[in-house]
């Protein structure tokens, strides 16, 4: 049984950030994510994608379209012998539901000191902070966050950090 959790935002972390990615034609991997996730998976972390997807309720794409992307993600990680879970908030921000980040509804797991959230928005960092996650890592060249505990300019910079601190 794994004891720690790596939480990942989807758009901007798993795949390139394009507003409202609702089909595979608009889904482009951050190729480094496989090495990042593999590092944590080999170090006994559960992997959980936590993603706001208001494009569903806004009518930009259907839940079935979104499910196709999820199947694509799961298949690709499974082909690399990595199991993960995807948690989704499909609601419009005006609904202020408990699952939409920066709320904490997608982070209801038993907490470990080593849990990590990796996101590209301050709302990811704030959600993790509100959920009691100590390690909040932001990947962004432009966004600053007082809620992040580490900030990386790129996925490659994060990979370098992991490799340097693994020895």
N, C-alpha and C. Protein backbone atom coordinates (compact mmCIF):
# COMPACT_ATOMS: atom_id res chain seq x y z
N UNK A 1 0.84 -1.20 0.00
CA UNK A 1 0.00 0.00 0.00
C UNK A 1 0.87 1.25 0.00
N UNK A 2 0.55 2.17 -0.87
CA UNK A 2 1.31 3.42 -0.98
C UNK A 2 0.88 4.35 0.15
N UNK A 3 1.84 5.13 0.62
CA UNK A 3 1.57 5.98 1.78
C UNK A 3 1.48 7.45 1.43
N UNK A 4 2.03 7.85 0.30
CA UNK A 4 2.07 9.26 -0.08
C UNK A 4 1.31 9.46 -1.38
N UNK A 5 0.89 10.71 -1.59
CA UNK A 5 0.11 11.02 -2.79
C UNK A 5 0.77 12.17 -3.54
N UNK A 6 0.90 11.99 -4.84
CA UNK A 6 1.27 13.07 -5.74
C UNK A 6 0.00 13.49 -6.47
N UNK A 7 -0.43 14.72 -6.21
CA UNK A 7 -1.58 15.29 -6.90
C UNK A 7 -1.05 16.13 -8.06
N UNK A 8 -1.70 16.00 -9.20
CA UNK A 8 -1.32 16.76 -10.39
C UNK A 8 -2.52 17.48 -10.96
N UNK A 9 -2.35 18.75 -11.28
CA UNK A 9 -3.33 19.42 -12.11
C UNK A 9 -3.20 18.82 -13.51
N UNK A 10 -4.24 18.90 -14.31
CA UNK A 10 -4.14 18.34 -15.66
C UNK A 10 -3.61 19.37 -16.66
N UNK A 11 -4.46 20.34 -17.03
CA UNK A 11 -4.08 21.30 -18.07
C UNK A 11 -2.95 22.20 -17.57
N UNK A 12 -1.83 22.12 -18.25
CA UNK A 12 -0.65 22.89 -17.87
C UNK A 12 0.40 22.03 -17.19
N UNK A 13 0.00 20.88 -16.66
CA UNK A 13 0.95 19.98 -15.99
C UNK A 13 1.05 18.65 -16.75
N UNK A 14 -0.05 17.96 -16.92
CA UNK A 14 -0.04 16.70 -17.67
C UNK A 14 0.02 17.00 -19.17
N UNK A 15 -0.78 17.95 -19.59
CA UNK A 15 -0.82 18.35 -21.00
C UNK A 15 -0.62 19.86 -21.10
N UNK A 16 -0.33 20.32 -22.31
CA UNK A 16 -0.14 21.75 -22.56
C UNK A 16 -1.43 22.48 -22.22
N UNK A 17 -1.26 23.68 -21.67
CA UNK A 17 -2.44 24.47 -21.28
C UNK A 17 -2.99 25.20 -22.50
N UNK A 18 -4.12 24.72 -22.96
CA UNK A 18 -4.92 25.39 -23.98
C UNK A 18 -6.30 25.50 -23.35
N UNK A 19 -6.90 26.67 -23.35
CA UNK A 19 -8.22 26.77 -22.70
C UNK A 19 -9.22 25.75 -23.24
N UNK A 20 -9.86 25.07 -22.32
CA UNK A 20 -10.97 24.15 -22.61
C UNK A 20 -10.57 23.01 -23.56
N UNK A 21 -9.61 22.23 -23.13
CA UNK A 21 -9.21 21.04 -23.90
C UNK A 21 -10.32 20.00 -23.73
N UNK A 22 -11.14 19.84 -24.77
CA UNK A 22 -12.28 18.95 -24.68
C UNK A 22 -12.26 17.80 -25.66
N UNK A 23 -11.20 17.72 -26.48
CA UNK A 23 -11.07 16.58 -27.38
C UNK A 23 -9.59 16.31 -27.63
N UNK A 24 -9.33 15.14 -28.18
CA UNK A 24 -7.94 14.71 -28.36
C UNK A 24 -7.18 15.56 -29.38
N UNK A 25 -7.91 16.25 -30.28
CA UNK A 25 -7.24 17.14 -31.24
C UNK A 25 -6.58 18.33 -30.55
N UNK A 26 -7.03 18.66 -29.35
CA UNK A 26 -6.48 19.79 -28.61
C UNK A 26 -5.63 19.34 -27.41
N UNK A 27 -5.39 18.06 -27.30
CA UNK A 27 -4.66 17.50 -26.17
C UNK A 27 -3.23 17.20 -26.61
N UNK A 28 -2.26 17.89 -25.98
CA UNK A 28 -0.84 17.70 -26.29
C UNK A 28 -0.08 17.48 -24.98
N UNK A 29 0.58 16.35 -24.89
CA UNK A 29 1.31 15.99 -23.66
C UNK A 29 2.43 16.97 -23.35
N UNK A 30 2.69 17.15 -22.07
CA UNK A 30 4.00 17.63 -21.61
C UNK A 30 4.81 16.35 -21.48
N UNK A 31 5.68 16.07 -22.42
CA UNK A 31 6.37 14.78 -22.45
C UNK A 31 7.13 14.47 -21.17
N UNK A 32 7.62 15.48 -20.48
CA UNK A 32 8.38 15.28 -19.25
C UNK A 32 7.53 14.71 -18.12
N UNK A 33 6.21 14.80 -18.26
CA UNK A 33 5.34 14.35 -17.17
C UNK A 33 5.50 12.87 -16.90
N UNK A 34 5.84 12.10 -17.90
CA UNK A 34 5.99 10.66 -17.70
C UNK A 34 7.19 10.36 -16.80
N UNK A 35 8.29 11.05 -17.01
CA UNK A 35 9.47 10.85 -16.16
C UNK A 35 9.22 11.38 -14.75
N UNK A 36 8.53 12.50 -14.64
CA UNK A 36 8.20 13.06 -13.32
C UNK A 36 7.32 12.08 -12.55
N UNK A 37 6.24 11.62 -13.18
CA UNK A 37 5.32 10.71 -12.51
C UNK A 37 6.00 9.39 -12.18
N UNK A 38 6.81 8.88 -13.09
CA UNK A 38 7.51 7.63 -12.85
C UNK A 38 8.43 7.74 -11.63
N UNK A 39 9.09 8.87 -11.47
CA UNK A 39 9.95 9.10 -10.31
C UNK A 39 9.16 8.92 -9.02
N UNK A 40 8.01 9.56 -8.94
CA UNK A 40 7.20 9.48 -7.72
C UNK A 40 6.56 8.11 -7.55
N UNK A 41 6.12 7.52 -8.64
CA UNK A 41 5.49 6.20 -8.57
C UNK A 41 6.48 5.17 -8.03
N UNK A 42 7.72 5.25 -8.51
CA UNK A 42 8.76 4.32 -8.02
C UNK A 42 9.11 4.58 -6.56
N UNK A 43 8.79 5.78 -6.08
CA UNK A 43 9.06 6.14 -4.69
C UNK A 43 7.81 6.04 -3.82
N UNK A 44 6.90 5.15 -4.23
CA UNK A 44 5.77 4.76 -3.39
C UNK A 44 4.68 5.83 -3.25
N UNK A 45 4.48 6.64 -4.27
CA UNK A 45 3.41 7.63 -4.27
C UNK A 45 2.24 7.12 -5.10
N UNK A 46 1.01 7.32 -4.60
CA UNK A 46 -0.17 7.20 -5.43
C UNK A 46 -0.22 8.46 -6.30
N UNK A 47 -0.73 8.32 -7.50
CA UNK A 47 -0.81 9.44 -8.44
C UNK A 47 -2.28 9.77 -8.67
N UNK A 48 -2.63 11.04 -8.44
CA UNK A 48 -4.03 11.47 -8.62
C UNK A 48 -4.06 12.79 -9.37
N UNK A 49 -4.73 12.78 -10.51
CA UNK A 49 -4.96 14.01 -11.25
C UNK A 49 -6.21 14.66 -10.69
N UNK A 50 -6.11 15.93 -10.36
CA UNK A 50 -7.25 16.70 -9.84
C UNK A 50 -7.45 17.90 -10.77
N UNK A 51 -8.59 17.93 -11.44
CA UNK A 51 -8.74 18.91 -12.52
C UNK A 51 -10.11 19.56 -12.54
N UNK A 52 -10.11 20.88 -12.64
CA UNK A 52 -11.33 21.63 -12.90
C UNK A 52 -11.61 21.54 -14.40
N UNK A 53 -12.82 21.18 -14.77
CA UNK A 53 -13.20 21.08 -16.18
C UNK A 53 -14.57 21.71 -16.40
N UNK A 54 -14.64 23.02 -16.16
CA UNK A 54 -15.93 23.71 -16.30
C UNK A 54 -16.42 23.76 -17.74
N UNK A 55 -15.56 23.44 -18.69
CA UNK A 55 -15.99 23.38 -20.09
C UNK A 55 -17.13 22.41 -20.31
N UNK A 56 -17.24 21.42 -19.43
CA UNK A 56 -18.35 20.45 -19.53
C UNK A 56 -19.67 21.17 -19.25
N UNK A 57 -19.77 21.82 -18.10
CA UNK A 57 -21.03 22.49 -17.74
C UNK A 57 -21.28 23.73 -18.60
N UNK A 58 -20.22 24.33 -19.11
CA UNK A 58 -20.38 25.50 -19.99
C UNK A 58 -20.89 25.08 -21.37
N UNK A 59 -20.83 23.77 -21.66
CA UNK A 59 -21.30 23.28 -22.95
C UNK A 59 -20.24 23.34 -24.05
N UNK A 60 -18.98 23.58 -23.71
CA UNK A 60 -17.92 23.62 -24.71
C UNK A 60 -17.57 22.23 -25.22
N UNK A 61 -17.78 21.22 -24.39
CA UNK A 61 -17.59 19.83 -24.77
C UNK A 61 -18.43 18.97 -23.85
N UNK A 62 -18.68 17.75 -24.26
CA UNK A 62 -19.54 16.87 -23.47
C UNK A 62 -18.72 16.07 -22.47
N UNK A 63 -19.42 15.47 -21.52
CA UNK A 63 -18.73 14.60 -20.58
C UNK A 63 -18.14 13.40 -21.31
N UNK A 64 -18.82 12.93 -22.35
CA UNK A 64 -18.29 11.80 -23.15
C UNK A 64 -16.98 12.20 -23.84
N UNK A 65 -16.92 13.43 -24.37
CA UNK A 65 -15.67 13.92 -24.97
C UNK A 65 -14.55 13.92 -23.92
N UNK A 66 -14.90 14.42 -22.75
CA UNK A 66 -13.92 14.48 -21.66
C UNK A 66 -13.48 13.07 -21.25
N UNK A 67 -14.43 12.13 -21.20
CA UNK A 67 -14.10 10.75 -20.83
C UNK A 67 -13.12 10.12 -21.82
N UNK A 68 -13.21 10.49 -23.09
CA UNK A 68 -12.26 9.99 -24.09
C UNK A 68 -10.84 10.45 -23.76
N UNK A 69 -10.69 11.68 -23.32
CA UNK A 69 -9.37 12.18 -22.93
C UNK A 69 -8.88 11.42 -21.70
N UNK A 70 -9.75 11.20 -20.75
CA UNK A 70 -9.37 10.43 -19.55
C UNK A 70 -8.91 9.03 -19.92
N UNK A 71 -9.63 8.38 -20.82
CA UNK A 71 -9.23 7.04 -21.26
C UNK A 71 -7.86 7.08 -21.92
N UNK A 72 -7.62 8.11 -22.71
CA UNK A 72 -6.32 8.30 -23.37
C UNK A 72 -5.20 8.46 -22.34
N UNK A 73 -5.43 9.27 -21.33
CA UNK A 73 -4.44 9.48 -20.27
C UNK A 73 -4.17 8.18 -19.53
N UNK A 74 -5.23 7.50 -19.11
CA UNK A 74 -5.08 6.26 -18.36
C UNK A 74 -4.35 5.20 -19.18
N UNK A 75 -4.71 5.08 -20.45
CA UNK A 75 -4.07 4.09 -21.32
C UNK A 75 -2.58 4.37 -21.46
N UNK A 76 -2.22 5.63 -21.63
CA UNK A 76 -0.80 5.98 -21.82
C UNK A 76 0.01 5.71 -20.55
N UNK A 77 -0.52 6.08 -19.40
CA UNK A 77 0.21 5.81 -18.15
C UNK A 77 0.23 4.31 -17.86
N UNK A 78 -0.89 3.61 -18.10
CA UNK A 78 -0.91 2.17 -17.87
C UNK A 78 0.11 1.45 -18.76
N UNK A 79 0.32 1.95 -19.98
CA UNK A 79 1.31 1.34 -20.86
C UNK A 79 2.73 1.49 -20.30
N UNK A 80 2.90 2.41 -19.38
CA UNK A 80 4.18 2.62 -18.71
C UNK A 80 4.17 2.02 -17.30
N UNK A 81 3.20 1.13 -17.06
CA UNK A 81 3.04 0.45 -15.76
C UNK A 81 2.83 1.41 -14.60
N UNK A 82 2.11 2.49 -14.86
CA UNK A 82 1.77 3.47 -13.81
C UNK A 82 0.25 3.53 -13.70
N UNK A 83 -0.25 3.27 -12.51
CA UNK A 83 -1.68 3.40 -12.25
C UNK A 83 -1.94 4.78 -11.66
N UNK A 84 -3.03 5.37 -12.06
CA UNK A 84 -3.41 6.66 -11.48
C UNK A 84 -4.91 6.80 -11.46
N UNK A 85 -5.34 7.80 -10.75
CA UNK A 85 -6.76 8.12 -10.60
C UNK A 85 -6.98 9.54 -11.11
N UNK A 86 -8.13 9.77 -11.73
CA UNK A 86 -8.47 11.11 -12.21
C UNK A 86 -9.72 11.57 -11.48
N UNK A 87 -9.61 12.73 -10.83
CA UNK A 87 -10.75 13.36 -10.14
C UNK A 87 -11.08 14.66 -10.86
N UNK A 88 -12.36 14.87 -11.09
CA UNK A 88 -12.79 15.98 -11.94
C UNK A 88 -13.90 16.79 -11.30
N UNK A 89 -13.78 18.11 -11.43
CA UNK A 89 -14.91 19.00 -11.12
C UNK A 89 -15.43 19.53 -12.45
N UNK A 90 -16.64 19.12 -12.87
CA UNK A 90 -17.19 19.58 -14.15
C UNK A 90 -18.03 20.86 -14.03
N UNK A 91 -18.06 21.45 -12.84
CA UNK A 91 -19.01 22.53 -12.56
C UNK A 91 -18.51 23.91 -12.98
N UNK A 92 -19.45 24.77 -13.25
CA UNK A 92 -19.17 26.17 -13.56
C UNK A 92 -18.69 26.85 -12.28
N UNK A 93 -17.75 27.77 -12.38
CA UNK A 93 -17.24 28.46 -11.18
C UNK A 93 -18.32 29.13 -10.34
N UNK A 94 -19.39 29.60 -10.98
CA UNK A 94 -20.47 30.27 -10.25
C UNK A 94 -21.17 29.36 -9.26
N UNK A 95 -21.07 28.05 -9.46
CA UNK A 95 -21.73 27.08 -8.57
C UNK A 95 -21.02 27.00 -7.22
N UNK A 96 -19.76 27.40 -7.17
CA UNK A 96 -18.96 27.36 -5.94
C UNK A 96 -19.10 26.01 -5.22
N UNK A 97 -18.97 24.95 -6.00
CA UNK A 97 -19.09 23.60 -5.42
C UNK A 97 -17.84 23.27 -4.61
N UNK A 98 -17.96 22.27 -3.75
CA UNK A 98 -16.85 21.91 -2.86
C UNK A 98 -15.70 21.23 -3.61
N UNK A 99 -15.97 20.70 -4.82
CA UNK A 99 -14.90 19.99 -5.52
C UNK A 99 -14.05 20.92 -6.39
N UNK A 100 -14.53 22.10 -6.73
CA UNK A 100 -13.78 22.98 -7.63
C UNK A 100 -12.64 23.66 -6.88
N UNK A 101 -11.41 23.47 -7.40
CA UNK A 101 -10.27 24.16 -6.81
C UNK A 101 -10.49 25.66 -6.93
N UNK A 102 -10.24 26.46 -5.94
CA UNK A 102 -9.38 26.20 -4.78
C UNK A 102 -10.08 25.54 -3.59
N UNK A 103 -11.32 25.07 -3.74
CA UNK A 103 -11.93 24.29 -2.66
C UNK A 103 -11.25 22.92 -2.58
N UNK A 104 -11.57 22.17 -1.57
CA UNK A 104 -10.76 20.99 -1.25
C UNK A 104 -11.44 19.65 -1.50
N UNK A 105 -12.57 19.64 -2.19
CA UNK A 105 -13.33 18.41 -2.37
C UNK A 105 -12.61 17.28 -3.10
N UNK A 106 -11.59 17.60 -3.87
CA UNK A 106 -10.85 16.54 -4.57
C UNK A 106 -9.65 16.05 -3.76
N UNK A 107 -9.49 16.57 -2.54
CA UNK A 107 -8.32 16.26 -1.71
C UNK A 107 -8.72 15.65 -0.37
N UNK A 108 -9.66 14.74 -0.36
CA UNK A 108 -10.19 14.23 0.89
C UNK A 108 -9.49 12.97 1.40
N UNK A 109 -8.30 12.71 0.89
CA UNK A 109 -7.55 11.53 1.31
C UNK A 109 -6.89 11.76 2.67
N UNK A 110 -6.52 10.67 3.32
CA UNK A 110 -5.71 10.77 4.53
C UNK A 110 -4.39 11.43 4.16
N UNK A 111 -3.98 12.39 4.92
CA UNK A 111 -2.83 13.23 4.59
C UNK A 111 -1.53 12.65 5.11
N UNK A 112 -0.47 12.79 4.32
CA UNK A 112 0.90 12.45 4.71
C UNK A 112 1.76 13.71 4.61
N UNK A 113 2.79 13.79 5.42
CA UNK A 113 3.70 14.93 5.37
C UNK A 113 4.40 15.05 4.02
N UNK A 114 4.50 13.93 3.30
CA UNK A 114 5.22 13.92 2.03
C UNK A 114 4.33 14.17 0.82
N UNK A 115 3.02 14.27 1.00
CA UNK A 115 2.13 14.53 -0.13
C UNK A 115 2.57 15.79 -0.87
N UNK A 116 2.36 15.78 -2.18
CA UNK A 116 2.78 16.90 -3.03
C UNK A 116 1.66 17.23 -4.00
N UNK A 117 1.45 18.51 -4.23
CA UNK A 117 0.58 18.98 -5.31
C UNK A 117 1.45 19.72 -6.30
N UNK A 118 1.33 19.35 -7.59
CA UNK A 118 2.02 20.08 -8.65
C UNK A 118 0.95 20.70 -9.54
N UNK A 119 1.00 22.01 -9.67
CA UNK A 119 0.04 22.73 -10.50
C UNK A 119 0.68 23.89 -11.21
N UNK A 120 -0.11 24.54 -12.05
CA UNK A 120 0.40 25.69 -12.81
C UNK A 120 -0.36 26.98 -12.51
N UNK A 121 -1.27 26.93 -11.55
CA UNK A 121 -2.07 28.10 -11.19
C UNK A 121 -2.04 28.31 -9.68
N UNK A 122 -2.23 29.54 -9.25
CA UNK A 122 -2.29 29.80 -7.81
C UNK A 122 -3.47 29.08 -7.18
N UNK A 123 -4.56 28.89 -7.93
CA UNK A 123 -5.71 28.17 -7.37
C UNK A 123 -5.36 26.73 -7.02
N UNK A 124 -4.43 26.12 -7.77
CA UNK A 124 -3.95 24.78 -7.42
C UNK A 124 -3.21 24.80 -6.09
N UNK A 125 -2.37 25.82 -5.92
CA UNK A 125 -1.57 25.94 -4.71
C UNK A 125 -2.46 26.24 -3.51
N UNK A 126 -3.46 27.11 -3.71
CA UNK A 126 -4.37 27.47 -2.63
C UNK A 126 -5.22 26.27 -2.22
N UNK A 127 -5.69 25.50 -3.19
CA UNK A 127 -6.48 24.30 -2.87
C UNK A 127 -5.65 23.33 -2.04
N UNK A 128 -4.40 23.12 -2.46
CA UNK A 128 -3.51 22.21 -1.72
C UNK A 128 -3.24 22.74 -0.31
N UNK A 129 -3.02 24.03 -0.21
CA UNK A 129 -2.79 24.63 1.11
C UNK A 129 -4.02 24.45 1.99
N UNK A 130 -5.19 24.72 1.45
CA UNK A 130 -6.44 24.58 2.20
C UNK A 130 -6.67 23.13 2.63
N UNK A 131 -6.15 22.18 1.83
CA UNK A 131 -6.32 20.75 2.13
C UNK A 131 -5.23 20.23 3.07
N UNK A 132 -4.30 21.09 3.47
CA UNK A 132 -3.26 20.67 4.39
C UNK A 132 -2.08 19.98 3.74
N UNK A 133 -1.91 20.17 2.44
CA UNK A 133 -0.76 19.60 1.73
C UNK A 133 0.42 20.55 1.90
N UNK A 134 1.48 20.04 2.50
CA UNK A 134 2.65 20.88 2.83
C UNK A 134 3.50 21.23 1.62
N UNK A 135 3.59 20.31 0.67
CA UNK A 135 4.47 20.48 -0.49
C UNK A 135 3.65 20.90 -1.69
N UNK A 136 3.75 22.17 -2.03
CA UNK A 136 2.94 22.74 -3.11
C UNK A 136 3.88 23.33 -4.15
N UNK A 137 3.99 22.64 -5.28
CA UNK A 137 4.97 23.00 -6.29
C UNK A 137 4.28 23.58 -7.51
N UNK A 138 4.68 24.77 -7.86
CA UNK A 138 4.12 25.49 -9.00
C UNK A 138 5.10 25.40 -10.17
N UNK A 139 4.59 25.05 -11.35
CA UNK A 139 5.38 25.13 -12.57
C UNK A 139 4.80 26.26 -13.41
N UNK A 140 5.53 27.36 -13.48
CA UNK A 140 5.06 28.51 -14.25
C UNK A 140 6.19 29.50 -14.45
N UNK A 141 6.25 30.08 -15.63
CA UNK A 141 7.21 31.16 -15.89
C UNK A 141 6.63 32.51 -15.49
N UNK A 142 5.30 32.61 -15.45
CA UNK A 142 4.65 33.91 -15.30
C UNK A 142 3.91 34.11 -13.98
N UNK A 143 3.39 33.05 -13.41
CA UNK A 143 2.54 33.18 -12.23
C UNK A 143 3.37 33.09 -10.97
N UNK A 144 3.13 34.00 -10.09
CA UNK A 144 3.77 33.98 -8.78
C UNK A 144 2.70 33.56 -7.77
N UNK A 145 3.15 32.88 -6.72
CA UNK A 145 2.19 32.41 -5.73
C UNK A 145 2.82 32.41 -4.35
N UNK A 146 2.16 33.07 -3.42
CA UNK A 146 2.58 32.99 -2.02
C UNK A 146 2.15 31.67 -1.39
N UNK A 147 1.32 30.91 -2.09
CA UNK A 147 0.83 29.63 -1.59
C UNK A 147 1.71 28.45 -2.00
N UNK A 148 2.62 28.67 -2.94
CA UNK A 148 3.53 27.62 -3.40
C UNK A 148 4.72 27.53 -2.44
N UNK A 149 5.21 26.31 -2.25
CA UNK A 149 6.41 26.13 -1.43
C UNK A 149 7.66 25.99 -2.30
N UNK A 150 7.50 25.67 -3.58
CA UNK A 150 8.58 25.65 -4.56
C UNK A 150 8.00 26.12 -5.89
N UNK A 151 8.81 26.86 -6.63
CA UNK A 151 8.38 27.34 -7.94
C UNK A 151 9.44 26.94 -8.96
N UNK A 152 8.98 26.31 -10.05
CA UNK A 152 9.85 25.90 -11.14
C UNK A 152 9.40 26.61 -12.41
N UNK A 153 10.36 26.99 -13.25
CA UNK A 153 10.03 27.67 -14.51
C UNK A 153 9.55 26.71 -15.59
N UNK A 154 9.86 25.42 -15.43
CA UNK A 154 9.52 24.45 -16.47
C UNK A 154 9.48 23.04 -15.87
N UNK A 155 8.92 22.13 -16.63
CA UNK A 155 8.93 20.72 -16.25
C UNK A 155 10.36 20.20 -16.17
N UNK A 156 11.21 20.66 -17.10
CA UNK A 156 12.61 20.23 -17.09
C UNK A 156 13.34 20.70 -15.84
N UNK A 157 13.05 21.90 -15.37
CA UNK A 157 13.67 22.37 -14.13
C UNK A 157 13.23 21.51 -12.95
N UNK A 158 11.98 21.11 -12.92
CA UNK A 158 11.51 20.20 -11.87
C UNK A 158 12.21 18.85 -11.96
N UNK A 159 12.35 18.32 -13.17
CA UNK A 159 13.07 17.05 -13.35
C UNK A 159 14.51 17.15 -12.84
N UNK A 160 15.18 18.24 -13.18
CA UNK A 160 16.55 18.44 -12.70
C UNK A 160 16.59 18.44 -11.18
N UNK A 161 15.63 19.11 -10.56
CA UNK A 161 15.54 19.16 -9.10
C UNK A 161 15.38 17.75 -8.53
N UNK A 162 14.49 16.96 -9.12
CA UNK A 162 14.25 15.60 -8.63
C UNK A 162 15.51 14.75 -8.76
N UNK A 163 16.20 14.87 -9.87
CA UNK A 163 17.39 14.07 -10.08
C UNK A 163 18.52 14.48 -9.13
N UNK A 164 18.67 15.78 -8.91
CA UNK A 164 19.72 16.26 -7.99
C UNK A 164 19.47 15.86 -6.54
N UNK A 165 18.20 15.85 -6.16
CA UNK A 165 17.87 15.56 -4.77
C UNK A 165 17.58 14.09 -4.51
N UNK A 166 17.74 13.24 -5.51
CA UNK A 166 17.52 11.82 -5.33
C UNK A 166 18.80 11.08 -4.96
N UNK A 167 19.92 11.74 -5.06
CA UNK A 167 21.21 11.09 -4.76
C UNK A 167 21.61 11.22 -3.34
